[in-house]
N, C-alpha and C. Protein backbone atom coordinates (compact mmCIF):
# COMPACT_ATOMS: atom_id res chain seq x y z
N MET A 1 -16.06 17.40 47.61
CA MET A 1 -15.47 17.99 49.17
C MET A 1 -14.37 19.02 48.77
N GLU A 2 -14.05 19.45 46.93
CA GLU A 2 -13.41 20.32 47.24
C GLU A 2 -14.19 21.30 47.52
N ALA A 3 -15.83 21.74 47.04
CA ALA A 3 -16.26 22.74 47.70
C ALA A 3 -16.67 23.14 48.55
N ALA A 4 -16.39 22.58 49.42
CA ALA A 4 -16.82 22.70 51.27
C ALA A 4 -15.25 22.81 51.73
N THR A 5 -14.36 22.54 51.17
CA THR A 5 -12.86 22.68 52.07
C THR A 5 -11.77 23.71 51.37
N GLY A 6 -12.23 24.44 49.65
CA GLY A 6 -11.67 24.54 49.14
C GLY A 6 -10.13 24.14 48.37
N VAL A 7 -9.83 22.81 49.15
CA VAL A 7 -9.12 21.90 48.42
C VAL A 7 -9.28 20.43 47.82
N GLU A 8 -8.40 20.50 46.40
CA GLU A 8 -8.85 19.42 45.60
C GLU A 8 -7.98 18.32 46.80
N PRO A 9 -9.46 17.28 47.11
CA PRO A 9 -8.82 16.29 47.64
C PRO A 9 -8.12 15.01 47.02
N SER A 10 -7.09 14.60 47.60
CA SER A 10 -6.21 13.38 47.07
C SER A 10 -7.23 12.34 46.64
N PRO A 11 -6.71 11.20 46.20
CA PRO A 11 -7.40 10.30 46.37
C PRO A 11 -7.54 9.40 47.32
N ILE A 12 -6.66 9.34 48.01
CA ILE A 12 -6.59 8.71 49.85
C ILE A 12 -7.86 9.40 50.17
N ASP A 13 -8.33 10.71 50.09
CA ASP A 13 -9.12 11.78 50.74
C ASP A 13 -10.39 11.04 50.18
N VAL A 14 -10.98 11.10 48.66
CA VAL A 14 -11.73 10.35 48.68
C VAL A 14 -12.30 8.94 48.55
N TYR A 15 -11.31 7.89 48.73
CA TYR A 15 -11.43 6.76 49.42
C TYR A 15 -11.69 6.50 50.83
N LEU A 16 -10.77 7.33 51.85
CA LEU A 16 -11.67 7.76 53.09
C LEU A 16 -13.10 8.29 53.30
N ARG A 17 -12.92 9.18 52.70
CA ARG A 17 -14.58 9.49 52.40
C ARG A 17 -15.73 8.88 51.80
N GLY A 18 -15.47 8.29 51.06
CA GLY A 18 -16.66 7.08 50.48
C GLY A 18 -16.79 6.00 51.20
N HIS A 19 -15.17 5.46 52.39
CA HIS A 19 -15.54 4.47 52.73
C HIS A 19 -15.71 4.34 54.43
N ARG A 20 -15.97 5.80 54.39
CA ARG A 20 -16.06 6.03 56.37
C ARG A 20 -17.69 4.86 56.95
N GLY A 21 -16.85 4.93 57.96
CA GLY A 21 -17.75 4.23 58.90
C GLY A 21 -19.34 5.15 59.44
N PRO A 22 -19.75 4.45 60.19
CA PRO A 22 -21.43 4.93 60.14
C PRO A 22 -21.01 6.09 61.43
N ASP A 23 -19.93 5.91 62.17
CA ASP A 23 -19.95 7.09 63.43
C ASP A 23 -19.44 8.71 62.54
N PRO A 24 -19.79 9.39 62.71
CA PRO A 24 -19.59 10.55 62.01
C PRO A 24 -18.28 10.93 63.41
N ALA A 25 -18.01 10.57 64.83
CA ALA A 25 -17.65 11.22 65.60
C ALA A 25 -15.72 10.57 65.31
N HIS A 26 -16.07 9.31 64.55
CA HIS A 26 -14.92 8.68 64.43
C HIS A 26 -14.61 8.38 62.92
N PRO A 27 -14.19 10.10 61.81
CA PRO A 27 -14.42 9.05 60.92
C PRO A 27 -12.82 8.20 59.84
N GLU A 28 -11.80 8.52 60.91
CA GLU A 28 -10.73 7.26 60.97
C GLU A 28 -11.10 5.88 60.89
N VAL A 29 -12.25 5.78 61.61
CA VAL A 29 -12.64 4.24 61.33
C VAL A 29 -13.66 4.19 60.38
N LEU A 30 -12.91 2.91 59.13
CA LEU A 30 -13.60 2.64 57.59
C LEU A 30 -15.06 2.06 58.06
N CYS A 31 -15.87 1.76 57.03
CA CYS A 31 -17.13 1.42 56.79
C CYS A 31 -16.58 -0.65 57.03
N SER A 32 -15.75 -1.23 56.70
CA SER A 32 -15.12 -2.01 56.92
C SER A 32 -13.92 -2.49 57.17
N GLN A 33 -13.61 -3.50 58.12
CA GLN A 33 -12.01 -4.26 58.47
C GLN A 33 -11.19 -4.44 56.70
N GLN A 34 -12.18 -4.82 55.61
CA GLN A 34 -11.36 -5.28 54.20
C GLN A 34 -10.96 -3.71 53.63
N ALA A 35 -12.21 -2.63 54.23
CA ALA A 35 -11.38 -1.44 53.50
C ALA A 35 -10.51 -0.86 54.38
N SER A 36 -10.31 -1.03 55.66
CA SER A 36 -9.23 -0.68 56.61
C SER A 36 -7.99 -1.72 56.02
N ASP A 37 -8.16 -2.80 55.98
CA ASP A 37 -7.18 -3.91 55.49
C ASP A 37 -6.05 -3.36 54.05
N ARG A 38 -6.82 -3.03 53.03
CA ARG A 38 -6.52 -2.23 51.78
C ARG A 38 -5.89 -1.07 52.12
N LEU A 39 -6.04 -0.37 52.99
CA LEU A 39 -5.73 1.00 52.77
C LEU A 39 -4.11 1.52 53.66
N ASP A 40 -4.24 0.12 54.41
CA ASP A 40 -3.53 -0.18 55.27
C ASP A 40 -2.09 -0.79 54.77
N GLN A 41 -2.25 -1.55 53.69
CA GLN A 41 -1.41 -2.51 52.91
C GLN A 41 -0.62 -1.52 51.91
N TYR A 42 -1.58 -0.94 51.04
CA TYR A 42 -0.87 0.43 50.46
C TYR A 42 -0.71 1.06 51.00
N GLY A 43 -0.43 1.50 52.35
CA GLY A 43 0.20 2.69 52.56
C GLY A 43 1.23 2.16 53.05
N GLN A 44 1.39 0.88 53.59
CA GLN A 44 2.67 -0.30 54.35
C GLN A 44 3.72 0.20 52.66
N GLU A 45 3.15 -0.30 51.55
CA GLU A 45 3.79 -0.71 50.17
C GLU A 45 4.12 0.95 49.42
N MET A 46 3.36 1.94 50.03
CA MET A 46 3.92 3.30 49.60
C MET A 46 5.46 3.58 49.92
N VAL A 47 5.39 3.39 51.53
CA VAL A 47 6.40 3.61 52.18
C VAL A 47 7.53 3.14 52.18
N ARG A 48 7.85 1.49 51.91
CA ARG A 48 8.75 0.54 51.25
C ARG A 48 9.38 1.29 50.11
N HIS A 49 8.26 1.77 49.18
CA HIS A 49 8.88 2.04 47.57
C HIS A 49 9.28 3.42 48.00
N HIS A 50 8.77 4.42 48.62
CA HIS A 50 9.08 5.57 48.52
C HIS A 50 9.65 6.41 50.00
N GLY A 51 9.55 5.80 50.39
CA GLY A 51 10.54 6.24 52.43
C GLY A 51 9.51 6.90 53.00
N GLU A 52 10.15 6.84 54.69
CA GLU A 52 9.28 7.25 55.41
C GLU A 52 8.84 8.44 55.69
N ASN A 53 9.35 9.33 54.61
CA ASN A 53 9.07 10.53 54.49
C ASN A 53 8.40 11.20 53.13
N PHE A 54 8.00 10.59 52.68
CA PHE A 54 6.68 10.46 51.38
C PHE A 54 5.76 10.41 51.92
N ASP A 55 4.53 11.68 51.63
CA ASP A 55 3.27 11.49 51.86
C ASP A 55 2.10 10.80 51.54
N TRP A 56 2.20 9.35 51.31
CA TRP A 56 1.65 8.83 50.46
C TRP A 56 0.46 9.19 50.66
N ARG A 57 -0.41 9.96 51.27
CA ARG A 57 -1.97 9.76 51.68
C ARG A 57 -2.70 10.88 50.81
N LYS A 58 -1.22 12.15 50.28
CA LYS A 58 -1.55 13.20 49.61
C LYS A 58 -0.77 13.17 48.06
N GLY A 59 0.02 12.12 48.05
CA GLY A 59 0.07 12.07 47.13
C GLY A 59 -0.53 11.59 45.83
N PRO A 60 0.27 11.29 44.97
CA PRO A 60 -0.70 10.47 43.47
C PRO A 60 -0.93 8.85 43.74
N ILE A 61 -1.47 8.47 43.20
CA ILE A 61 -1.78 7.31 43.31
C ILE A 61 -0.12 6.56 42.77
N ASP A 62 0.40 5.40 43.35
CA ASP A 62 1.44 4.66 42.61
C ASP A 62 0.64 3.05 42.09
N PRO A 63 0.85 3.36 40.38
CA PRO A 63 0.17 1.99 40.12
C PRO A 63 0.94 0.42 40.32
N GLU A 64 2.11 0.84 40.27
CA GLU A 64 2.91 -0.05 40.78
C GLU A 64 2.69 -0.53 42.51
N VAL A 65 2.66 0.49 43.08
CA VAL A 65 2.32 -0.43 44.32
C VAL A 65 0.97 -0.81 44.50
N LEU A 66 0.29 -0.03 44.26
CA LEU A 66 -0.91 -0.35 44.34
C LEU A 66 -1.23 -1.93 43.64
N HIS A 67 -0.45 -2.28 42.88
CA HIS A 67 -0.62 -3.98 41.89
C HIS A 67 0.18 -4.65 42.92
N ALA A 68 0.79 -4.20 43.50
CA ALA A 68 1.80 -5.30 44.84
C ALA A 68 1.00 -4.80 45.98
N SER A 69 0.70 -3.89 46.20
CA SER A 69 -0.76 -4.01 47.61
C SER A 69 -1.45 -4.77 47.58
N GLY A 70 -2.39 -5.14 46.42
CA GLY A 70 -3.53 -5.47 46.56
C GLY A 70 -3.17 -7.34 45.71
N GLY A 71 -2.21 -7.74 45.46
CA GLY A 71 -1.87 -8.91 44.95
C GLY A 71 -2.17 -8.68 43.40
N GLY A 72 -1.73 -8.04 42.65
CA GLY A 72 -2.24 -8.08 41.60
C GLY A 72 -3.66 -7.26 41.27
N LYS A 73 -4.27 -8.01 39.54
CA LYS A 73 -6.06 -7.72 39.54
C LYS A 73 -6.66 -8.68 39.74
N VAL A 74 -7.22 -9.14 41.23
CA VAL A 74 -8.17 -9.54 41.02
C VAL A 74 -9.02 -9.99 40.68
N HIS A 75 -9.43 -11.02 39.37
CA HIS A 75 -10.88 -10.94 38.99
C HIS A 75 -11.08 -9.26 37.71
N GLY A 76 -9.68 -9.29 37.49
CA GLY A 76 -9.54 -8.09 36.52
C GLY A 76 -9.53 -6.94 36.96
N ARG A 77 -9.75 -6.52 38.02
CA ARG A 77 -9.83 -5.13 39.37
C ARG A 77 -8.84 -5.36 40.19
N TYR A 78 -8.02 -3.75 40.39
CA TYR A 78 -7.49 -3.82 41.47
C TYR A 78 -8.34 -3.40 42.55
N SER A 79 -7.59 -4.09 43.92
CA SER A 79 -8.26 -3.76 45.42
C SER A 79 -9.04 -2.69 45.45
N MET A 80 -8.27 -1.33 44.85
CA MET A 80 -9.08 -0.08 45.37
C MET A 80 -8.94 0.82 44.45
N PHE A 81 -9.11 2.11 44.15
CA PHE A 81 -8.89 3.09 43.03
C PHE A 81 -9.70 2.42 41.57
N THR A 82 -10.51 1.38 41.94
CA THR A 82 -10.82 1.20 40.27
C THR A 82 -11.54 2.71 40.01
N GLY A 83 -10.90 2.60 38.45
CA GLY A 83 -11.31 3.52 37.84
C GLY A 83 -10.35 4.70 38.12
N VAL A 84 -9.87 4.73 38.70
CA VAL A 84 -8.59 6.17 38.94
C VAL A 84 -7.33 5.62 38.59
N VAL A 85 -7.04 4.40 38.19
CA VAL A 85 -5.72 3.81 37.83
C VAL A 85 -5.98 3.39 36.31
N ASP A 86 -5.15 3.73 35.07
CA ASP A 86 -5.03 2.90 34.19
C ASP A 86 -4.23 1.82 34.14
N SER A 87 -4.99 0.60 34.28
CA SER A 87 -4.26 -0.22 34.36
C SER A 87 -2.78 -0.75 33.08
N ARG A 88 -3.18 0.29 32.00
CA ARG A 88 -2.42 -0.32 30.94
C ARG A 88 -0.66 0.78 31.71
N ASP A 89 -0.94 1.44 32.70
CA ASP A 89 0.32 1.93 33.43
C ASP A 89 0.86 1.22 34.20
N ILE A 90 0.72 -0.32 34.32
CA ILE A 90 1.41 -1.26 34.92
C ILE A 90 2.35 -1.70 33.69
N ARG A 91 1.86 -2.24 32.50
CA ARG A 91 2.15 -2.96 31.76
C ARG A 91 3.58 -1.49 31.13
N THR A 92 2.88 -0.81 30.72
CA THR A 92 3.76 0.17 30.12
C THR A 92 5.35 0.33 31.05
N ARG A 93 4.68 0.93 32.09
CA ARG A 93 6.49 0.02 33.33
C ARG A 93 6.98 -0.52 33.23
N ARG A 94 6.32 -2.00 33.61
CA ARG A 94 6.90 -3.22 32.92
C ARG A 94 7.78 -3.45 32.07
N GLY A 95 6.67 -3.22 31.05
CA GLY A 95 7.80 -3.47 29.62
C GLY A 95 8.95 -2.52 29.34
N SER A 96 8.66 -0.94 29.99
CA SER A 96 9.92 -0.17 29.78
C SER A 96 10.79 -0.46 30.86
N SER A 97 10.62 -1.40 31.14
CA SER A 97 12.49 -1.39 32.44
C SER A 97 12.71 -2.87 32.31
N SER A 98 12.29 -3.42 31.52
CA SER A 98 12.99 -4.96 31.33
C SER A 98 13.22 -4.91 29.42
């Protein structure tokens, strides 16, 4: 993606590219309702945590928001961004706040 645009893609850009639907005329339509729902839940949680003015589509992935929006680590994995977020980030942040 970076070679084509000259801009490093955000993790959301990569997620969208990896989950795009079959119709190239509608890149906003993802491959499944589940992929769309996960992204929507993450976006809503990012707005709740960081405010309306935060550009969550271009910002870094927030491990705490990812954990909250996906219901934790079901079956030991996040609902999205597996391999992007180090799960130790959640334990470290929680441990440091208590």
